[in-house]
Structures are given as structure tokens and as C-alpha cells.
Amino acid sequence: MRGPTILKATDDKTRQLNKHTLLAFSGEAGDTVQFAEYIQANSQLYSMRNETDLSPAALAHFVRGELASSLRSRHPYSVNLLLGGVDPISGKPSLYWIDYLASLAPVPYAAHGYAQYYCLSLLDKHHHPDIDLDQGRKLLDMCADELKRRLPIDFKGLVVKAVTKNGIVDLPFDDDRIVKSANFVRAMGIGKHETDTLVDFNAGSSSQDVRCRKDVNYMQSRMLTNGTAGINGNADLAQQKNLPQYKRTTPDFRVG
């Protein structure tokens, strides 16, 4: 995207470094492509010279070193990276978060850009160490739905790839799937419902839904009552102490 004009809506912002490692990038258009292809070429050159592939950890530290060197030059790269892969020897998957300041951190999940403000909370809640590919795809669908609902920028879809012990595979993703509005109310439980409850008012009218609706209505009426009592109490206290009572006034915009 350049200004208000969309130049390309199907841009693949990933580069395959070797059979078991994938690099995803975001940032300035020129810096991202140039740096990602530079890392990709050096990784493939190492594989041809030594007849073996670098592990994801080795590639992550190599990328971090190159970013640190460019950061101390006159023309640093403005690029944020996610590097994921599977160690060909141990078979252990890993993910590395790298930013334009050459910070490196191994993480269980990560995001860059505006998406992180919407997706990290979902990832933090639903991710667990024993998650499999199918559960990961469901979690990705949840993140995509959240972006479609709340991201103010036009959301063009996702390019989904999975790194497995057998290599990197492209996964289909339905960008045209209609997302339902999040018509949920977070209500504090009362009585038996002492935990936070998500109430869907479009659901069926079962006894549990009716109880939840009554709890929500009661909570709302109690909040209104407490709010009114607080206002009246402050007014009475001001009268007893002969303090001035401040009232909200509307400015007069009449001309003449």
C-alpha cells in the first residue's frame, strides 16, 4: 500500500531459507525484500558449501548479527521479522521474534505490526505448549476474525504456511468467509455465576440463558441504582458542608 492507493493485495511476505525454516517480514517495502532475499541467499550458499542446513537457532542468530551490523551503519534496515522452523536433528520446533533494533527473543507465539494489538490477547489466552496443527488453525481463524471485526484498515486476507518436519507446506485459507459480529456481553456473575460469563443474546432461550439474562439485567439495574445513590449522596454532603454544587452546563453557540 502506498498512501491511499493499493498496489498489490496478494503479497507474500515470507521467504523460505531452507527446507525446515521460514522467514516472515514486515516494514519498509524496499528494506524488507532486500534484507529477506539477502538472508535467503546466504542461507542457501551455506547449505551448498557445507552440504547441510543451518538450524533455526543458528539462522536466527545470523539474522540478528546482520541487523545489528546494519543498525550501526548509515543505512540501517527498517524490518521486523518472525523466524520459525523445525530442527532437522532434534525435531524440535522453534519461533524467534526479531525487530528492527536487532532484538532477538525465542517465543511460543508472536505478531508484528498493527495485528499484534488485536491478536496477542487471543494467543495468550488460547495457546498452550501441546497445541497441534488443527488447533493452531482454529486459533488463526479466531485472530483473522478479530482483525476483520476491529482493524480499521481494510483487511485483505492471509497467506498461511506451516513448517513441519517434512518441510514447508501452503495451507488453504478462506478470505471470503463472512464473520459474525461479536454480540457478546461480559457480565459479572451473581449467585452461582461468580465468574465472568459471555452471554450470547442470539442463542436459544434455555434456562441457563434466561438466568444469565436476568443476572445481566439485575447487574445493570444495580449499577444504575448505585450510581444514582452516589450522586445524591455527594449532593447531600455538599449541602451539609455548605460547599458549592457544580453542574454541567452547555455552552451557548448563538451568534448575534
C-alpha atoms as a PDB file:
ATOM      1  CA  MET A   1       0.000   0.000   0.000  1.00  0.00           C
ATOM      2  CA  ARG A   2       1.350   3.438  -0.961  1.00  0.00           C
ATOM      3  CA  GLY A   3      -0.652   6.307   0.502  1.00  0.00           C
ATOM      4  CA  PRO A   4      -4.338   5.843  -0.310  1.00  0.00           C
ATOM      5  CA  THR A   5      -3.556   3.539  -3.256  1.00  0.00           C
ATOM      6  CA  ILE A   6      -3.390  -0.255  -3.007  1.00  0.00           C
ATOM      7  CA  LEU A   7      -0.669  -1.521  -5.314  1.00  0.00           C
ATOM      8  CA  LYS A   8      -0.882  -5.251  -4.574  1.00  0.00           C
ATOM      9  CA  ALA A   9      -3.279  -7.201  -2.367  1.00  0.00           C
ATOM     10  CA  THR A  10      -1.654 -10.668  -2.679  1.00  0.00           C
ATOM     11  CA  ASP A  11       1.879 -10.009  -1.494  1.00  0.00           C
ATOM     12  CA  ASP A  12       3.723 -12.978   0.015  1.00  0.00           C
ATOM     13  CA  LYS A  13       5.825 -11.579   2.858  1.00  0.00           C
ATOM     14  CA  THR A  14       7.714 -14.791   3.550  1.00  0.00           C
ATOM     15  CA  ARG A  15      10.955 -16.353   2.303  1.00  0.00           C
ATOM     16  CA  GLN A  16      11.993 -19.980   2.619  1.00  0.00           C
ATOM     17  CA  LEU A  17      15.542 -20.104   3.992  1.00  0.00           C
ATOM     18  CA  ASN A  18      15.898 -23.875   3.768  1.00  0.00           C
ATOM     19  CA  LYS A  19      13.700 -26.943   3.858  1.00  0.00           C
ATOM     20  CA  HIS A  20      12.771 -26.525   7.529  1.00  0.00           C
ATOM     21  CA  THR A  21      12.989 -22.755   8.157  1.00  0.00           C
ATOM     22  CA  LEU A  22      10.696 -19.912   7.109  1.00  0.00           C
ATOM     23  CA  LEU A  23      11.222 -16.158   7.464  1.00  0.00           C
ATOM     24  CA  ALA A  24       8.307 -13.685   7.629  1.00  0.00           C
ATOM     25  CA  PHE A  25       8.941  -9.954   7.401  1.00  0.00           C
ATOM     26  CA  SER A  26       7.206  -6.581   7.645  1.00  0.00           C
ATOM     27  CA  GLY A  27       8.326  -2.980   7.422  1.00  0.00           C
ATOM     28  CA  GLU A  28       9.533  -0.683   4.671  1.00  0.00           C
ATOM     29  CA  ALA A  29       8.919  -2.187   1.243  1.00  0.00           C
ATOM     30  CA  GLY A  30      12.458  -1.893  -0.109  1.00  0.00           C
ATOM     31  CA  ASP A  31      14.260  -2.870   3.080  1.00  0.00           C
ATOM     32  CA  THR A  32      12.123  -5.944   3.745  1.00  0.00           C
ATOM     33  CA  VAL A  33      12.521  -7.579   0.331  1.00  0.00           C
ATOM     34  CA  GLN A  34      16.212  -6.756   0.033  1.00  0.00           C
ATOM     35  CA  PHE A  35      17.108  -7.978   3.524  1.00  0.00           C
ATOM     36  CA  ALA A  36      14.971 -11.135   3.298  1.00  0.00           C
ATOM     37  CA  GLU A  37      16.495 -12.123  -0.053  1.00  0.00           C
ATOM     38  CA  TYR A  38      19.982 -11.379   1.312  1.00  0.00           C
ATOM     39  CA  ILE A  39      19.390 -13.737   4.254  1.00  0.00           C
ATOM     40  CA  GLN A  40      17.845 -16.344   1.943  1.00  0.00           C
ATOM     41  CA  ALA A  41      20.840 -16.259  -0.437  1.00  0.00           C
ATOM     42  CA  ASN A  42      23.376 -16.596   2.386  1.00  0.00           C
ATOM     43  CA  SER A  43      21.464 -19.488   3.925  1.00  0.00           C
ATOM     44  CA  GLN A  44      21.349 -21.365   0.634  1.00  0.00           C
ATOM     45  CA  LEU A  45      25.035 -20.612  -0.009  1.00  0.00           C
ATOM     46  CA  TYR A  46      25.953 -22.142   3.360  1.00  0.00           C
ATOM     47  CA  SER A  47      23.887 -25.240   2.552  1.00  0.00           C
ATOM     48  CA  MET A  48      25.637 -25.696  -0.811  1.00  0.00           C
ATOM     49  CA  ARG A  49      29.120 -25.199   0.616  1.00  0.00           C
ATOM     50  CA  ASN A  50      28.721 -27.439   3.656  1.00  0.00           C
ATOM     51  CA  GLU A  51      26.089 -29.907   2.354  1.00  0.00           C
ATOM     52  CA  THR A  52      23.969 -29.317   5.450  1.00  0.00           C
ATOM     53  CA  ASP A  53      21.311 -26.853   6.514  1.00  0.00           C
ATOM     54  CA  LEU A  54      21.599 -24.403   9.358  1.00  0.00           C
ATOM     55  CA  SER A  55      19.240 -24.905  12.285  1.00  0.00           C
ATOM     56  CA  PRO A  56      16.560 -22.295  13.031  1.00  0.00           C
ATOM     57  CA  ALA A  57      18.523 -21.136  16.077  1.00  0.00           C
ATOM     58  CA  ALA A  58      21.696 -20.612  14.043  1.00  0.00           C
ATOM     59  CA  LEU A  59      19.806 -18.723  11.345  1.00  0.00           C
ATOM     60  CA  ALA A  60      18.086 -16.538  13.948  1.00  0.00           C
ATOM     61  CA  HIS A  61      21.416 -15.511  15.464  1.00  0.00           C
ATOM     62  CA  PHE A  62      22.862 -14.904  11.993  1.00  0.00           C
ATOM     63  CA  VAL A  63      19.918 -12.633  11.157  1.00  0.00           C
ATOM     64  CA  ARG A  64      20.308 -10.842  14.465  1.00  0.00           C
ATOM     65  CA  GLY A  65      24.017 -10.243  13.767  1.00  0.00           C
ATOM     66  CA  GLU A  66      23.334  -8.802  10.313  1.00  0.00           C
ATOM     67  CA  LEU A  67      20.661  -6.484  11.695  1.00  0.00           C
ATOM     68  CA  ALA A  68      22.997  -5.352  14.474  1.00  0.00           C
ATOM     69  CA  SER A  69      25.706  -4.544  11.923  1.00  0.00           C
ATOM     70  CA  SER A  70      23.321  -2.592   9.700  1.00  0.00           C
ATOM     71  CA  LEU A  71      21.957  -0.742  12.734  1.00  0.00           C
ATOM     72  CA  ARG A  72      25.433   0.756  13.287  1.00  0.00           C
ATOM     73  CA  SER A  73      25.793   1.816   9.662  1.00  0.00           C
ATOM     74  CA  ARG A  74      24.483   4.860   7.837  1.00  0.00           C
ATOM     75  CA  HIS A  75      21.677   2.916   6.187  1.00  0.00           C
ATOM     76  CA  PRO A  76      20.054   0.540   8.709  1.00  0.00           C
ATOM     77  CA  TYR A  77      17.314  -1.842   7.644  1.00  0.00           C
ATOM     78  CA  SER A  78      13.811  -0.971   8.855  1.00  0.00           C
ATOM     79  CA  VAL A  79      12.448  -4.505   9.042  1.00  0.00           C
ATOM     80  CA  ASN A  80      10.678  -6.669  11.651  1.00  0.00           C
ATOM     81  CA  LEU A  81      10.969 -10.427  11.362  1.00  0.00           C
ATOM     82  CA  LEU A  82       9.496 -13.702  12.574  1.00  0.00           C
ATOM     83  CA  LEU A  83      11.660 -16.763  12.021  1.00  0.00           C
ATOM     84  CA  GLY A  84      10.173 -20.206  12.559  1.00  0.00           C
ATOM     85  CA  GLY A  85      11.412 -23.675  11.843  1.00  0.00           C
ATOM     86  CA  VAL A  86      11.982 -27.256  12.931  1.00  0.00           C
ATOM     87  CA  ASP A  87      15.410 -28.514  13.933  1.00  0.00           C
ATOM     88  CA  PRO A  88      16.249 -31.322  11.449  1.00  0.00           C
ATOM     89  CA  ILE A  89      18.241 -33.245  14.096  1.00  0.00           C
ATOM     90  CA  SER A  90      16.163 -32.934  17.269  1.00  0.00           C
ATOM     91  CA  GLY A  91      12.824 -32.341  15.526  1.00  0.00           C
ATOM     92  CA  LYS A  92      12.024 -29.517  17.975  1.00  0.00           C
ATOM     93  CA  PRO A  93      10.022 -26.562  16.595  1.00  0.00           C
ATOM     94  CA  SER A  94      11.046 -23.015  17.461  1.00  0.00           C
ATOM     95  CA  LEU A  95       9.939 -19.451  16.786  1.00  0.00           C
ATOM     96  CA  TYR A  96      12.036 -16.292  17.071  1.00  0.00           C
ATOM     97  CA  TRP A  97      10.861 -12.684  17.324  1.00  0.00           C
ATOM     98  CA  ILE A  98      13.259 -10.123  15.807  1.00  0.00           C
ATOM     99  CA  ASP A  99      12.698  -6.379  15.449  1.00  0.00           C
ATOM    100  CA  TYR A 100      14.473  -3.586  13.579  1.00  0.00           C
ATOM    101  CA  LEU A 101      16.674  -2.816  16.626  1.00  0.00           C
ATOM    102  CA  ALA A 102      18.226  -6.310  16.377  1.00  0.00           C
ATOM    103  CA  SER A 103      16.405  -7.616  19.448  1.00  0.00           C
ATOM    104  CA  LEU A 104      16.049 -11.399  19.434  1.00  0.00           C
ATOM    105  CA  ALA A 105      13.752 -13.480  21.624  1.00  0.00           C
ATOM    106  CA  PRO A 106      12.545 -17.089  21.390  1.00  0.00           C
ATOM    107  CA  VAL A 107       8.775 -17.041  21.898  1.00  0.00           C
ATOM    108  CA  PRO A 108       5.881 -19.543  21.784  1.00  0.00           C
ATOM    109  CA  TYR A 109       3.803 -17.144  19.639  1.00  0.00           C
ATOM    110  CA  ALA A 110       4.370 -13.707  18.155  1.00  0.00           C
ATOM    111  CA  ALA A 111       2.982 -10.951  15.940  1.00  0.00           C
ATOM    112  CA  HIS A 112       4.262  -7.737  14.402  1.00  0.00           C
ATOM    113  CA  GLY A 113       2.635  -4.519  13.252  1.00  0.00           C
ATOM    114  CA  TYR A 114      -0.935  -3.447  13.940  1.00  0.00           C
ATOM    115  CA  ALA A 115      -2.054  -7.084  14.154  1.00  0.00           C
ATOM    116  CA  GLN A 116      -0.291  -7.584  17.464  1.00  0.00           C
ATOM    117  CA  TYR A 117      -2.670  -5.168  19.222  1.00  0.00           C
ATOM    118  CA  TYR A 118      -5.607  -7.451  18.361  1.00  0.00           C
ATOM    119  CA  CYS A 119      -4.083 -10.941  18.238  1.00  0.00           C
ATOM    120  CA  LEU A 120      -1.692 -11.199  21.182  1.00  0.00           C
ATOM    121  CA  SER A 121      -4.506 -11.348  23.747  1.00  0.00           C
ATOM    122  CA  LEU A 122      -6.161 -14.227  21.868  1.00  0.00           C
ATOM    123  CA  LEU A 123      -2.847 -16.034  21.501  1.00  0.00           C
ATOM    124  CA  ASP A 124      -2.077 -15.556  25.173  1.00  0.00           C
ATOM    125  CA  LYS A 125      -5.451 -16.982  26.213  1.00  0.00           C
ATOM    126  CA  HIS A 126      -5.772 -19.966  23.877  1.00  0.00           C
ATOM    127  CA  HIS A 127      -2.203 -21.069  23.154  1.00  0.00           C
ATOM    128  CA  HIS A 128      -0.726 -23.957  25.129  1.00  0.00           C
ATOM    129  CA  PRO A 129       2.509 -25.962  24.774  1.00  0.00           C
ATOM    130  CA  ASP A 130       0.756 -29.101  23.440  1.00  0.00           C
ATOM    131  CA  ILE A 131      -1.195 -27.350  20.681  1.00  0.00           C
ATOM    132  CA  ASP A 132      -1.401 -29.240  17.368  1.00  0.00           C
ATOM    133  CA  LEU A 133      -1.805 -28.061  13.781  1.00  0.00           C
ATOM    134  CA  ASP A 134      -5.610 -28.250  13.721  1.00  0.00           C
ATOM    135  CA  GLN A 135      -5.937 -26.289  16.953  1.00  0.00           C
ATOM    136  CA  GLY A 136      -3.429 -23.783  15.633  1.00  0.00           C
ATOM    137  CA  ARG A 137      -5.509 -23.252  12.506  1.00  0.00           C
ATOM    138  CA  LYS A 138      -8.626 -22.662  14.619  1.00  0.00           C
ATOM    139  CA  LEU A 139      -6.693 -20.126  16.669  1.00  0.00           C
ATOM    140  CA  LEU A 140      -5.544 -18.456  13.452  1.00  0.00           C
ATOM    141  CA  ASP A 141      -9.172 -18.238  12.309  1.00  0.00           C
ATOM    142  CA  MET A 142     -10.036 -16.511  15.582  1.00  0.00           C
ATOM    143  CA  CYS A 143      -7.256 -13.971  15.053  1.00  0.00           C
ATOM    144  CA  ALA A 144      -8.348 -13.352  11.451  1.00  0.00           C
ATOM    145  CA  ASP A 145     -11.963 -12.840  12.556  1.00  0.00           C
ATOM    146  CA  GLU A 146     -10.818 -10.351  15.183  1.00  0.00           C
ATOM    147  CA  LEU A 147      -8.858  -8.409  12.580  1.00  0.00           C
ATOM    148  CA  LYS A 148     -11.848  -8.314  10.244  1.00  0.00           C
ATOM    149  CA  ARG A 149     -14.074  -7.006  13.034  1.00  0.00           C
ATOM    150  CA  ARG A 150     -11.841  -4.413  14.658  1.00  0.00           C
ATOM    151  CA  LEU A 151      -8.935  -3.435  12.402  1.00  0.00           C
ATOM    152  CA  PRO A 152      -9.747  -0.020  10.911  1.00  0.00           C
ATOM    153  CA  ILE A 153      -7.541  -0.751   7.887  1.00  0.00           C
ATOM    154  CA  ASP A 154      -9.018  -2.751   5.009  1.00  0.00           C
ATOM    155  CA  PHE A 155      -8.129  -6.391   5.689  1.00  0.00           C
ATOM    156  CA  LYS A 156      -7.102  -8.240   2.519  1.00  0.00           C
ATOM    157  CA  GLY A 157      -6.634 -11.731   3.941  1.00  0.00           C
ATOM    158  CA  LEU A 158      -3.834 -14.069   4.942  1.00  0.00           C
ATOM    159  CA  VAL A 159      -1.177 -16.257   3.356  1.00  0.00           C
ATOM    160  CA  VAL A 160      -0.915 -19.328   5.598  1.00  0.00           C
ATOM    161  CA  LYS A 161       2.127 -21.597   5.654  1.00  0.00           C
ATOM    162  CA  ALA A 162       3.076 -24.363   8.079  1.00  0.00           C
ATOM    163  CA  VAL A 163       6.591 -25.561   8.879  1.00  0.00           C
ATOM    164  CA  THR A 164       6.630 -29.290   9.639  1.00  0.00           C
ATOM    165  CA  LYS A 165       9.326 -31.920   9.967  1.00  0.00           C
ATOM    166  CA  ASN A 166       8.610 -32.899   6.356  1.00  0.00           C
ATOM    167  CA  GLY A 167       9.036 -29.361   5.033  1.00  0.00           C
ATOM    168  CA  ILE A 168       7.058 -26.166   4.441  1.00  0.00           C
ATOM    169  CA  VAL A 169       3.503 -26.539   3.143  1.00  0.00           C
ATOM    170  CA  ASP A 170       0.922 -23.989   1.996  1.00  0.00           C
ATOM    171  CA  LEU A 171      -2.405 -24.205   3.800  1.00  0.00           C
ATOM    172  CA  PRO A 172      -5.689 -23.016   2.255  1.00  0.00           C
ATOM    173  CA  PHE A 173      -7.433 -20.107   3.923  1.00  0.00           C
ATOM    174  CA  ASP A 174     -10.896 -18.768   3.135  1.00  0.00           C
ATOM    175  CA  ASP A 175     -10.529 -14.983   2.960  1.00  0.00           C
ATOM    176  CA  ASP A 176     -14.144 -14.534   1.845  1.00  0.00           C
ATOM    177  CA  ARG A 177     -15.662 -16.203   4.894  1.00  0.00           C
ATOM    178  CA  ILE A 178     -18.311 -13.984   6.496  1.00  0.00           C
ATOM    179  CA  VAL A 179     -17.526 -13.044  10.072  1.00  0.00           C
ATOM    180  CA  LYS A 180     -20.379 -12.643  12.546  1.00  0.00           C
ATOM    181  CA  SER A 181     -20.433  -9.590  14.746  1.00  0.00           C
ATOM    182  CA  ALA A 182     -19.238 -10.064  18.298  1.00  0.00           C
ATOM    183  CA  ASN A 183     -22.604  -9.606  20.037  1.00  0.00           C
ATOM    184  CA  PHE A 184     -21.384 -10.698  23.425  1.00  0.00           C
ATOM    185  CA  VAL A 185     -21.785  -9.072  26.812  1.00  0.00           C
ATOM    186  CA  ARG A 186     -19.228  -9.635  29.582  1.00  0.00           C
ATOM    187  CA  ALA A 187     -21.189  -9.726  32.778  1.00  0.00           C
ATOM    188  CA  MET A 188     -20.140 -10.251  36.366  1.00  0.00           C
ATOM    189  CA  GLY A 189     -21.842 -13.367  37.686  1.00  0.00           C
ATOM    190  CA  ILE A 190     -24.225 -13.162  40.591  1.00  0.00           C
ATOM    191  CA  GLY A 191     -25.034 -16.041  42.915  1.00  0.00           C
ATOM    192  CA  LYS A 192     -23.997 -19.219  41.175  1.00  0.00           C
ATOM    193  CA  HIS A 193     -22.376 -17.260  38.306  1.00  0.00           C
ATOM    194  CA  GLU A 194     -19.486 -15.770  40.243  1.00  0.00           C
ATOM    195  CA  THR A 195     -17.088 -15.971  37.310  1.00  0.00           C
ATOM    196  CA  ASP A 196     -17.086 -13.821  34.183  1.00  0.00           C
ATOM    197  CA  THR A 197     -19.687 -15.051  31.709  1.00  0.00           C
ATOM    198  CA  LEU A 198     -20.029 -14.467  27.981  1.00  0.00           C
ATOM    199  CA  VAL A 199     -23.712 -14.172  27.161  1.00  0.00           C
ATOM    200  CA  ASP A 200     -24.848 -14.542  23.552  1.00  0.00           C
ATOM    201  CA  PHE A 201     -28.289 -12.977  23.180  1.00  0.00           C
ATOM    202  CA  ASN A 202     -28.711 -14.615  19.777  1.00  0.00           C
ATOM    203  CA  ALA A 203     -28.581 -18.071  21.372  1.00  0.00           C
ATOM    204  CA  GLY A 204     -31.569 -20.219  22.251  1.00  0.00           C
ATOM    205  CA  SER A 205     -33.769 -19.458  25.235  1.00  0.00           C
ATOM    206  CA  SER A 206     -32.606 -22.213  27.527  1.00  0.00           C
ATOM    207  CA  SER A 207     -32.890 -21.952  31.281  1.00  0.00           C
ATOM    208  CA  GLN A 208     -29.207 -21.082  31.609  1.00  0.00           C
ATOM    209  CA  ASP A 209     -29.530 -18.274  29.047  1.00  0.00           C
ATOM    210  CA  VAL A 210     -32.564 -16.928  30.908  1.00  0.00           C
ATOM    211  CA  ARG A 211     -30.644 -16.954  34.200  1.00  0.00           C
ATOM    212  CA  CYS A 212     -27.743 -15.148  32.556  1.00  0.00           C
ATOM    213  CA  ARG A 213     -30.088 -12.541  31.092  1.00  0.00           C
ATOM    214  CA  LYS A 214     -31.697 -11.994  34.499  1.00  0.00           C
ATOM    215  CA  ASP A 215     -28.259 -11.626  36.054  1.00  0.00           C
ATOM    216  CA  VAL A 216     -27.262  -9.068  33.438  1.00  0.00           C
ATOM    217  CA  ASN A 217     -30.488  -7.084  33.894  1.00  0.00           C
ATOM    218  CA  TYR A 218     -30.113  -7.179  37.670  1.00  0.00           C
ATOM    219  CA  MET A 219     -26.490  -6.091  37.443  1.00  0.00           C
ATOM    220  CA  GLN A 220     -27.385  -3.192  35.136  1.00  0.00           C
ATOM    221  CA  SER A 221     -30.191  -2.023  37.446  1.00  0.00           C
ATOM    222  CA  ARG A 222     -27.881  -2.314  40.461  1.00  0.00           C
ATOM    223  CA  MET A 223     -25.210  -0.247  38.695  1.00  0.00           C
ATOM    224  CA  LEU A 224     -27.780   2.451  37.863  1.00  0.00           C
ATOM    225  CA  THR A 225     -29.072   2.438  41.451  1.00  0.00           C
ATOM    226  CA  ASN A 226     -25.595   2.669  42.942  1.00  0.00           C
ATOM    227  CA  GLY A 227     -24.672   5.432  40.521  1.00  0.00           C
ATOM    228  CA  THR A 228     -27.779   7.465  41.432  1.00  0.00           C
ATOM    229  CA  ALA A 229     -27.195   6.929  45.141  1.00  0.00           C
ATOM    230  CA  GLY A 230     -23.612   8.085  44.777  1.00  0.00           C
ATOM    231  CA  ILE A 231     -24.664  11.274  43.011  1.00  0.00           C
ATOM    232  CA  ASN A 232     -27.387  12.060  45.572  1.00  0.00           C
ATOM    233  CA  GLY A 233     -25.024  11.289  48.422  1.00  0.00           C
ATOM    234  CA  ASN A 234     -22.458  13.757  47.135  1.00  0.00           C
ATOM    235  CA  ALA A 235     -25.144  16.408  46.724  1.00  0.00           C
ATOM    236  CA  ASP A 236     -26.372  15.906  50.303  1.00  0.00           C
ATOM    237  CA  LEU A 237     -22.810  16.061  51.615  1.00  0.00           C
ATOM    238  CA  ALA A 238     -22.207  19.302  49.738  1.00  0.00           C
ATOM    239  CA  GLN A 239     -25.351  20.840  51.240  1.00  0.00           C
ATOM    240  CA  GLN A 240     -24.335  19.849  54.776  1.00  0.00           C
ATOM    241  CA  LYS A 241     -20.883  21.399  54.417  1.00  0.00           C
ATOM    242  CA  ASN A 242     -22.188  24.433  52.505  1.00  0.00           C
ATOM    243  CA  LEU A 243     -19.983  23.579  49.528  1.00  0.00           C
ATOM    244  CA  PRO A 244     -20.801  24.734  46.002  1.00  0.00           C
ATOM    245  CA  GLN A 245     -22.528  22.156  43.827  1.00  0.00           C
ATOM    246  CA  TYR A 246     -21.117  22.033  40.336  1.00  0.00           C
ATOM    247  CA  LYS A 247     -23.489  21.410  37.462  1.00  0.00           C
ATOM    248  CA  ARG A 248     -22.620  20.574  33.877  1.00  0.00           C
ATOM    249  CA  THR A 249     -23.504  23.474  31.594  1.00  0.00           C
ATOM    250  CA  THR A 250     -23.856  23.543  27.819  1.00  0.00           C
ATOM    251  CA  PRO A 251     -22.004  26.384  26.023  1.00  0.00           C
ATOM    252  CA  ASP A 252     -24.163  28.850  24.113  1.00  0.00           C
ATOM    253  CA  PHE A 253     -23.152  28.998  20.440  1.00  0.00           C
ATOM    254  CA  ARG A 254     -25.687  31.640  19.395  1.00  0.00           C
ATOM    255  CA  VAL A 255     -24.311  34.298  17.071  1.00  0.00           C
ATOM    256  CA  GLY A 256     -25.664  37.846  17.144  1.00  0.00           C
END
